[in-house]
């Protein structure tokens, strides 16, 4: 009947409002493989920073010593405190607990410290080493997370560990150098401007500097353009490589283009992703907290209160007892690490989804378009050969030719 054909049975809200796809980022970030990758990256980052702290341990700089102590906290030593619903919207929560902002600050902190004007040479060297180590770790694990997220978001498919490794390993250099290239340009620009600074040590040099100052301002504009763009676009570079299969230059151009061409849309996507991240972190902290509490509650029914008290107190229980306490602490720490890993897992997943949305706005590319090496090989050109007349034609020894011959013989 006509009235049955005109009945609206369902509305594809995600098709009408693609921004709603960000709601799936919190769910996707809970994927165990992504949590495991983020946890390994966290442990590897802190391990490297602790080694660097030992190398700079003889410094007399008290500020640097405090910074090294703060960087050396293992993820399993953190405390998971459930968020209260009333505190979700406080400024403190948004600054310290929001997964998007917390991860952004934690990963970019060493790079920001490099550009401080009040650091000593020792501090600058320490932060540079921390930045390079952090970048090396996240270039692999962040690349793996964004690759899994990109394929899952676009195709709703799971990528095997083998395919993820085969994709990320040859592109590790691209993941590593994509955010470094703008920084290297600014360092070279600063070296050139330093020559102008040498001129200011004399009156004649000051006059020359005044004449050259428009060139200095142009150099400052270029450095500001690169650093501001880098600060906002560096997570998109990983997403660009994982989505497009491009190199560092391609990732740089994609990320900068999307940020500078759609800054307001990027900001709105970031705000929505931050809201979703806070709600997701609220659920994760509640779940992890009650896992621990109910575990202790159930075990306490067996009259184990005295033994469990040793977890928080320094008691001598003998070799076997101390081993048991250490094992319990290990498993509790593993749960805490996986919960904290959600913060970074969500960060990479959310920025990947934002990349898809920005790409759709700027390049009009469909959301299900993602680079798959196996499809490129499947639809590639057949083997070619040149005949005696110099004409190019398909080779007879290709798989397609063999299949064609088999089918023709069967006919």
Protein backbone atom coordinates (compact mmCIF):
# COMPACT_ATOMS: atom_id res chain seq x y z
CA UNK A 1 0.00 0.00 0.00
CA UNK A 2 1.10 3.59 -0.62
CA UNK A 3 0.90 4.57 3.01
CA UNK A 4 3.21 1.67 3.92
CA UNK A 5 5.79 2.80 1.38
CA UNK A 6 5.71 6.34 2.78
CA UNK A 7 6.28 5.20 6.38
CA UNK A 8 9.61 6.28 7.87
CA UNK A 9 10.99 3.23 9.60
CA UNK A 10 14.46 4.38 10.70
CA UNK A 11 16.70 7.42 10.65
CA UNK A 12 20.43 7.02 10.08
CA UNK A 13 21.45 9.76 12.46
CA UNK A 14 25.17 9.09 11.96
CA UNK A 15 24.71 9.69 8.22
CA UNK A 16 22.76 12.90 8.79
CA UNK A 17 25.14 14.15 11.48
CA UNK A 18 28.60 12.59 10.96
CA UNK A 19 29.89 14.34 14.07
CA UNK A 20 27.98 11.73 16.08
CA UNK A 21 30.66 9.26 14.98
CA UNK A 22 32.79 10.71 17.79
CA UNK A 23 30.53 8.90 20.25
CA UNK A 24 31.97 5.62 18.97
CA UNK A 25 35.49 6.71 19.91
CA UNK A 26 34.94 5.95 23.61
CA UNK A 27 33.72 2.44 22.82
CA UNK A 28 36.51 1.75 20.34
CA UNK A 29 39.13 2.98 22.81
CA UNK A 30 38.09 0.19 25.19
CA UNK A 31 39.36 -2.41 22.73
CA UNK A 32 41.77 -4.59 24.70
CA UNK A 33 44.42 -4.49 21.99
CA UNK A 34 44.41 -0.69 22.03
CA UNK A 35 44.59 -0.66 25.82
CA UNK A 36 47.52 -3.07 25.71
CA UNK A 37 49.38 -0.96 23.14
CA UNK A 38 48.81 2.22 25.16
CA UNK A 39 49.92 0.50 28.38
CA UNK A 40 53.14 -0.75 26.76
CA UNK A 41 53.81 2.74 25.39
CA UNK A 42 53.28 4.29 28.82
CA UNK A 43 55.64 1.82 30.50
CA UNK A 44 58.24 2.25 27.76
CA UNK A 45 58.07 6.04 27.93
CA UNK A 46 58.51 6.16 31.69
CA UNK A 47 61.32 3.58 31.53
CA UNK A 48 63.25 5.77 29.12
CA UNK A 49 62.65 8.87 31.18
CA UNK A 50 63.89 7.10 34.32
CA UNK A 51 67.08 6.10 32.52
CA UNK A 52 67.56 9.71 31.41
CA UNK A 53 66.96 10.85 34.99
CA UNK A 54 69.80 8.59 36.12
CA UNK A 55 72.06 10.12 33.47
CA UNK A 56 71.26 13.65 34.72
CA UNK A 57 71.15 12.67 38.41
CA UNK A 58 74.33 14.61 39.30
CA UNK A 59 72.84 17.97 38.37
CA UNK A 60 72.49 20.60 41.10
CA UNK A 61 69.39 22.09 39.48
CA UNK A 62 66.59 21.49 42.01
CA UNK A 63 63.87 22.38 39.51
CA UNK A 64 65.16 19.80 37.08
CA UNK A 65 65.36 17.20 39.86
CA UNK A 66 61.69 17.75 40.74
CA UNK A 67 60.73 17.50 37.07
CA UNK A 68 62.66 14.23 36.70
CA UNK A 69 60.93 12.78 39.77
CA UNK A 70 57.52 13.70 38.37
CA UNK A 71 58.37 12.08 35.03
CA UNK A 72 59.58 8.86 36.68
CA UNK A 73 56.26 7.73 38.16
CA UNK A 74 55.28 4.31 36.83
CA UNK A 75 51.70 4.06 35.54
CA UNK A 76 50.89 1.24 37.98
CA UNK A 77 51.88 3.50 40.88
CA UNK A 78 49.03 5.87 40.05
CA UNK A 79 45.84 5.91 42.06
CA UNK A 80 42.49 5.37 40.35
CA UNK A 81 39.95 7.57 42.11
CA UNK A 82 36.36 7.44 40.84
CA UNK A 83 35.10 10.76 39.55
CA UNK A 84 32.09 12.28 41.22
CA UNK A 85 29.29 13.33 38.83
CA UNK A 86 29.28 16.83 40.28
CA UNK A 87 32.98 17.32 39.52
CA UNK A 88 32.80 16.36 35.84
CA UNK A 89 32.35 19.96 34.78
CA UNK A 90 34.89 21.61 37.07
CA UNK A 91 37.94 23.32 35.50
CA UNK A 92 40.26 21.01 37.47
CA UNK A 93 38.62 17.96 35.93
CA UNK A 94 38.92 19.32 32.42
CA UNK A 95 42.57 20.20 32.89
CA UNK A 96 43.86 17.09 34.65
CA UNK A 97 41.37 14.26 34.07
CA UNK A 98 39.99 14.83 30.59
CA UNK A 99 41.61 12.13 28.42
CA UNK A 100 42.02 14.40 25.40
CA UNK A 101 43.72 17.25 27.25
CA UNK A 102 45.68 15.02 29.65
CA UNK A 103 47.20 12.93 26.85
CA UNK A 104 47.88 16.00 24.71
CA UNK A 105 49.74 17.63 27.58
CA UNK A 106 51.63 14.49 28.64
CA UNK A 107 52.94 13.66 25.16
CA UNK A 108 53.70 17.23 24.06
CA UNK A 109 55.14 18.44 27.40
CA UNK A 110 58.81 17.68 26.58
CA UNK A 111 58.51 19.52 23.26
CA UNK A 112 56.91 22.55 24.91
CA UNK A 113 59.73 22.68 27.47
CA UNK A 114 62.29 22.91 24.66
CA UNK A 115 60.90 26.30 23.61
CA UNK A 116 60.99 27.83 27.09
CA UNK A 117 63.33 30.80 27.29
CA UNK A 118 64.16 30.36 31.00
CA UNK A 119 65.68 26.86 30.85
CA UNK A 120 69.34 26.14 31.34
CA UNK A 121 71.39 24.18 28.84
CA UNK A 122 71.18 21.10 31.09
CA UNK A 123 67.40 21.36 31.32
CA UNK A 124 67.11 21.90 27.58
CA UNK A 125 69.27 18.84 26.87
CA UNK A 126 67.25 16.70 29.28
CA UNK A 127 63.92 17.74 27.78
CA UNK A 128 65.22 17.24 24.25
CA UNK A 129 66.25 13.67 25.09
CA UNK A 130 62.86 13.04 26.73
CA UNK A 131 61.07 14.45 23.69
CA UNK A 132 62.98 12.28 21.23
CA UNK A 133 62.50 9.17 23.35
CA UNK A 134 58.77 9.83 23.77
CA UNK A 135 58.43 10.44 20.05
CA UNK A 136 60.27 7.22 19.22
CA UNK A 137 57.97 5.18 21.49
CA UNK A 138 54.71 6.75 20.38
CA UNK A 139 55.76 6.71 16.71
CA UNK A 140 55.31 2.95 16.85
CA UNK A 141 52.57 2.39 19.44
CA UNK A 142 50.60 5.51 18.52
CA UNK A 143 50.88 4.52 14.88
CA UNK A 144 49.57 1.03 15.68
CA UNK A 145 46.63 2.44 17.67
CA UNK A 146 45.65 4.91 14.97
CA UNK A 147 45.96 2.22 12.28
CA UNK A 148 43.63 -0.16 14.14
CA UNK A 149 41.26 2.72 14.85
CA UNK A 150 41.25 3.90 11.21
CA UNK A 151 40.40 0.48 9.75
CA UNK A 152 37.84 -0.23 12.44
CA UNK A 153 36.17 3.14 12.00
CA UNK A 154 36.10 3.08 8.20
CA UNK A 155 35.49 -0.61 7.47
CA UNK A 156 34.30 -2.00 10.82
CA UNK A 157 37.00 -4.65 10.52
CA UNK A 158 39.59 -5.97 12.94
CA UNK A 159 43.20 -5.81 11.82
CA UNK A 160 45.47 -8.68 12.80
CA UNK A 161 48.67 -8.07 14.73
CA UNK A 162 50.66 -9.16 11.68
CA UNK A 163 49.00 -6.63 9.38
CA UNK A 164 49.38 -3.87 11.95
CA UNK A 165 53.07 -4.62 12.36
CA UNK A 166 53.63 -4.85 8.60
CA UNK A 167 51.94 -1.47 8.16
CA UNK A 168 53.62 0.42 11.02
CA UNK A 169 57.20 -0.88 10.84
CA UNK A 170 58.12 0.51 7.40
CA UNK A 171 56.36 3.79 8.23
CA UNK A 172 57.96 4.31 11.66
CA UNK A 173 60.33 6.88 10.17
CA UNK A 174 57.36 8.82 8.79
CA UNK A 175 55.56 8.74 12.15
CA UNK A 176 58.76 9.90 13.83
CA UNK A 177 59.79 12.70 11.48
CA UNK A 178 56.38 14.17 10.59
CA UNK A 179 56.16 16.37 13.73
CA UNK A 180 59.93 16.93 13.80
CA UNK A 181 60.17 18.62 10.40
CA UNK A 182 58.47 21.91 11.43
CA UNK A 183 60.65 22.00 14.56
CA UNK A 184 63.82 21.53 12.52
CA UNK A 185 62.79 24.43 10.28
CA UNK A 186 62.24 26.66 13.32
CA UNK A 187 65.66 25.71 14.71
CA UNK A 188 67.29 26.63 11.41
CA UNK A 189 65.33 29.87 11.34
CA UNK A 190 66.42 30.69 14.87
CA UNK A 191 70.06 30.04 13.89
CA UNK A 192 69.72 32.53 11.02
CA UNK A 193 68.06 35.13 13.25
CA UNK A 194 70.85 34.63 15.79
CA UNK A 195 73.21 36.20 13.25
CA UNK A 196 71.08 39.34 13.40
CA UNK A 197 71.31 39.19 17.15
CA UNK A 198 75.10 39.28 16.90
CA UNK A 199 74.83 42.54 14.98
CA UNK A 200 73.06 44.23 17.88
CA UNK A 201 76.24 44.21 19.97
CA UNK A 202 77.45 47.39 18.24
CA UNK A 203 75.83 50.64 17.17
CA UNK A 204 76.47 50.02 13.49
CA UNK A 205 75.10 46.52 13.94
CA UNK A 206 71.94 47.91 15.52
CA UNK A 207 71.44 50.10 12.48
CA UNK A 208 71.89 47.10 10.21
CA UNK A 209 69.48 45.09 12.36
CA UNK A 210 66.91 47.86 12.04
CA UNK A 211 67.22 47.75 8.26
CA UNK A 212 66.94 43.97 8.25
CA UNK A 213 64.11 43.85 10.78
CA UNK A 214 61.33 43.29 8.20
CA UNK A 215 63.14 40.12 7.17
CA UNK A 216 63.34 39.14 10.85
CA UNK A 217 59.57 39.61 11.18
CA UNK A 218 59.01 37.44 8.12
CA UNK A 219 61.14 34.75 9.74
CA UNK A 220 59.16 35.11 12.95
CA UNK A 221 55.91 34.78 10.99
CA UNK A 222 57.10 31.58 9.34
CA UNK A 223 58.18 30.08 12.66
CA UNK A 224 54.90 31.09 14.33
CA UNK A 225 52.91 29.60 11.45
CA UNK A 226 54.80 26.33 11.72
CA UNK A 227 54.72 26.02 15.52
CA UNK A 228 51.08 27.04 15.98
CA UNK A 229 50.09 24.64 13.23
CA UNK A 230 52.27 21.92 14.77
CA UNK A 231 50.79 22.39 18.24
CA UNK A 232 47.26 21.80 16.99
CA UNK A 233 47.89 19.38 14.13
CA UNK A 234 50.53 16.92 15.33
CA UNK A 235 48.02 14.21 16.42
CA UNK A 236 46.41 14.39 12.98
CA UNK A 237 49.76 13.53 11.37
CA UNK A 238 49.69 10.04 12.87
CA UNK A 239 46.08 9.65 11.76
CA UNK A 240 46.97 10.80 8.22
CA UNK A 241 49.73 8.20 7.87
CA UNK A 242 47.54 5.43 9.29
CA UNK A 243 44.57 6.38 7.11
CA UNK A 244 46.22 7.32 3.82
CA UNK A 245 49.41 5.24 3.99
CA UNK A 246 51.31 8.43 3.13
CA UNK A 247 54.78 9.57 4.16
CA UNK A 248 55.87 12.32 6.57
CA UNK A 249 55.50 15.10 3.98
CA UNK A 250 52.02 13.97 3.03
CA UNK A 251 50.98 13.73 6.66
CA UNK A 252 52.35 17.21 7.32
CA UNK A 253 50.49 18.76 4.40
CA UNK A 254 47.20 17.01 5.25
CA UNK A 255 47.30 17.98 8.92
CA UNK A 256 48.22 21.62 8.33
CA UNK A 257 45.64 21.99 5.56
CA UNK A 258 42.81 20.64 7.68
CA UNK A 259 43.69 22.71 10.74
CA UNK A 260 44.15 26.01 8.92
CA UNK A 261 41.23 25.55 6.51
CA UNK A 262 38.70 24.38 9.10
CA UNK A 263 39.90 25.81 12.45
CA UNK A 264 36.40 26.39 13.88
CA UNK A 265 35.19 22.95 12.85
CA UNK A 266 38.34 21.43 14.35
CA UNK A 267 37.69 23.28 17.59
CA UNK A 268 34.08 22.08 17.76
CA UNK A 269 35.12 18.51 17.10
CA UNK A 270 37.73 18.80 19.85
CA UNK A 271 35.17 20.12 22.36
CA UNK A 272 32.76 17.28 21.61
CA UNK A 273 35.57 14.72 21.80
CA UNK A 274 36.59 16.17 25.18
CA UNK A 275 33.01 15.83 26.47
CA UNK A 276 32.83 12.22 25.34
CA UNK A 277 36.27 11.59 26.85
CA UNK A 278 35.26 12.88 30.29
CA UNK A 279 32.17 10.69 30.32
CA UNK A 280 34.20 7.69 29.15
CA UNK A 281 36.83 8.26 31.84
CA UNK A 282 34.05 8.53 34.43
CA UNK A 283 32.80 5.07 33.45
CA UNK A 284 36.32 3.57 33.38
CA UNK A 285 37.30 4.92 36.81
CA UNK A 286 34.05 3.75 38.36
CA UNK A 287 34.45 0.29 36.86
CA UNK A 288 38.11 -0.10 37.90
CA UNK A 289 37.42 1.22 41.39
CA UNK A 290 34.56 -1.19 42.01
CA UNK A 291 36.52 -4.12 40.64
CA UNK A 292 39.14 -3.51 43.34
CA UNK A 293 36.63 -2.77 46.08
CA UNK A 294 34.42 -5.79 45.40
CA UNK A 295 37.47 -8.02 45.09
CA UNK A 296 38.65 -6.96 48.56
CA UNK A 297 35.12 -7.22 49.90
CA UNK A 298 34.67 -10.79 48.65
CA UNK A 299 38.09 -11.92 49.89
CA UNK A 300 37.46 -10.34 53.32
CA UNK A 301 34.62 -12.81 53.87
CA UNK A 302 37.29 -15.42 54.33
CA UNK A 303 38.76 -13.54 57.29
CA UNK A 304 41.71 -12.26 55.26
CA UNK A 305 41.61 -8.72 56.62
CA UNK A 306 44.94 -9.04 58.43
CA UNK A 307 46.71 -10.48 55.43
CA UNK A 308 45.33 -7.86 53.04
CA UNK A 309 46.40 -5.10 55.42
CA UNK A 310 49.97 -5.90 54.43
CA UNK A 311 49.26 -4.46 51.01
CA UNK A 312 49.25 -0.95 52.42
CA UNK A 313 51.57 -1.50 55.38
CA UNK A 314 55.17 -2.63 55.62
CA UNK A 315 54.84 -5.94 57.42
CA UNK A 316 57.20 -8.87 57.45
CA UNK A 317 55.20 -11.96 56.49
CA UNK A 318 57.95 -14.32 55.51
CA UNK A 319 59.17 -15.25 52.09
CA UNK A 320 55.96 -16.85 50.86
CA UNK A 321 53.75 -14.16 52.36
CA UNK A 322 55.79 -11.34 50.89
CA UNK A 323 55.75 -13.05 47.49
CA UNK A 324 51.96 -13.29 47.68
CA UNK A 325 51.68 -9.61 48.56
CA UNK A 326 53.89 -8.66 45.64
CA UNK A 327 51.79 -10.76 43.28
CA UNK A 328 48.59 -9.10 44.49
CA UNK A 329 50.18 -5.69 44.02
CA UNK A 330 51.28 -6.72 40.54
CA UNK A 331 47.76 -7.69 39.45
CA UNK A 332 46.28 -4.56 41.01
CA UNK A 333 48.92 -2.49 39.24
CA UNK A 334 48.10 -4.20 35.94
CA UNK A 335 44.45 -3.23 36.34
CA UNK A 336 45.44 0.35 37.19
CA UNK A 337 47.74 0.53 34.17
CA UNK A 338 45.05 -0.70 31.79
CA UNK A 339 42.59 1.82 33.22
CA UNK A 340 45.11 4.64 32.79
CA UNK A 341 45.90 3.37 29.29
CA UNK A 342 42.33 4.19 28.31
CA UNK A 343 43.24 7.89 28.53
CA UNK A 344 45.85 7.55 25.79
CA UNK A 345 43.92 4.97 23.80
CA UNK A 346 40.98 7.36 23.62
CA UNK A 347 43.24 10.25 22.64
CA UNK A 348 44.56 8.47 19.54
CA UNK A 349 41.18 7.04 18.58
CA UNK A 350 39.42 10.40 18.95
CA UNK A 351 42.02 12.27 16.91
CA UNK A 352 41.75 9.60 14.19
CA UNK A 353 37.97 10.04 14.02
CA UNK A 354 38.44 13.83 13.93
CA UNK A 355 40.84 13.38 11.01
CA UNK A 356 38.17 11.44 9.09
CA UNK A 357 35.60 14.18 9.76
CA UNK A 358 37.95 16.99 8.73
CA UNK A 359 38.99 15.11 5.60
CA UNK A 360 35.33 14.77 4.67
CA UNK A 361 34.83 18.52 5.10
CA UNK A 362 37.93 19.63 3.18
CA UNK A 363 38.45 16.92 0.54
CA UNK A 364 34.89 15.52 0.33
CA UNK A 365 36.28 12.03 0.98
CA UNK A 366 33.86 9.40 2.22
CA UNK A 367 34.25 8.18 5.78
CA UNK A 368 34.76 4.57 4.69
CA UNK A 369 37.81 5.41 2.56
CA UNK A 370 41.00 4.02 4.12
CA UNK A 371 44.25 2.80 2.59
CA UNK A 372 44.52 -1.01 2.54
CA UNK A 373 47.76 -2.41 1.06
CA UNK A 374 46.12 -5.73 0.24
CA UNK A 375 43.49 -4.02 -1.92
CA UNK A 376 46.17 -2.01 -3.72
CA UNK A 377 47.93 -5.24 -4.66
CA UNK A 378 44.68 -6.92 -5.68
CA UNK A 379 43.64 -4.14 -8.04
CA UNK A 380 47.08 -3.31 -9.36
CA UNK A 381 48.16 -3.46 -12.97
CA UNK A 382 48.83 -6.91 -14.44
CA UNK A 383 52.37 -7.83 -15.48
CA UNK A 384 53.30 -6.18 -18.79
CA UNK A 385 55.59 -7.17 -21.65
CA UNK A 386 56.68 -5.72 -25.00
CA UNK A 387 55.94 -7.65 -28.21
CA UNK A 388 58.35 -7.77 -31.23
CA UNK A 389 56.67 -4.68 -32.72
CA UNK A 390 57.37 -2.62 -29.59
CA UNK A 391 53.76 -2.67 -28.36
CA UNK A 392 53.07 -3.10 -24.65
CA UNK A 393 50.61 -5.85 -23.72
CA UNK A 394 49.74 -7.93 -20.63
CA UNK A 395 52.17 -10.71 -19.87
CA UNK A 396 50.89 -14.25 -20.37
CA UNK A 397 52.46 -15.54 -17.17
CA UNK A 398 50.35 -13.40 -14.80
CA UNK A 399 47.81 -14.98 -12.43
CA UNK A 400 44.92 -13.38 -14.33
CA UNK A 401 46.14 -14.83 -17.64
CA UNK A 402 46.52 -18.26 -16.10
CA UNK A 403 42.95 -18.13 -14.76
CA UNK A 404 41.69 -16.96 -18.15
CA UNK A 405 43.44 -19.84 -19.94
CA UNK A 406 42.03 -22.34 -17.47
CA UNK A 407 38.50 -21.07 -17.93
CA UNK A 408 38.81 -21.03 -21.74
CA UNK A 409 40.12 -24.59 -21.76
CA UNK A 410 37.30 -25.70 -19.56
CA UNK A 411 34.82 -24.07 -21.99
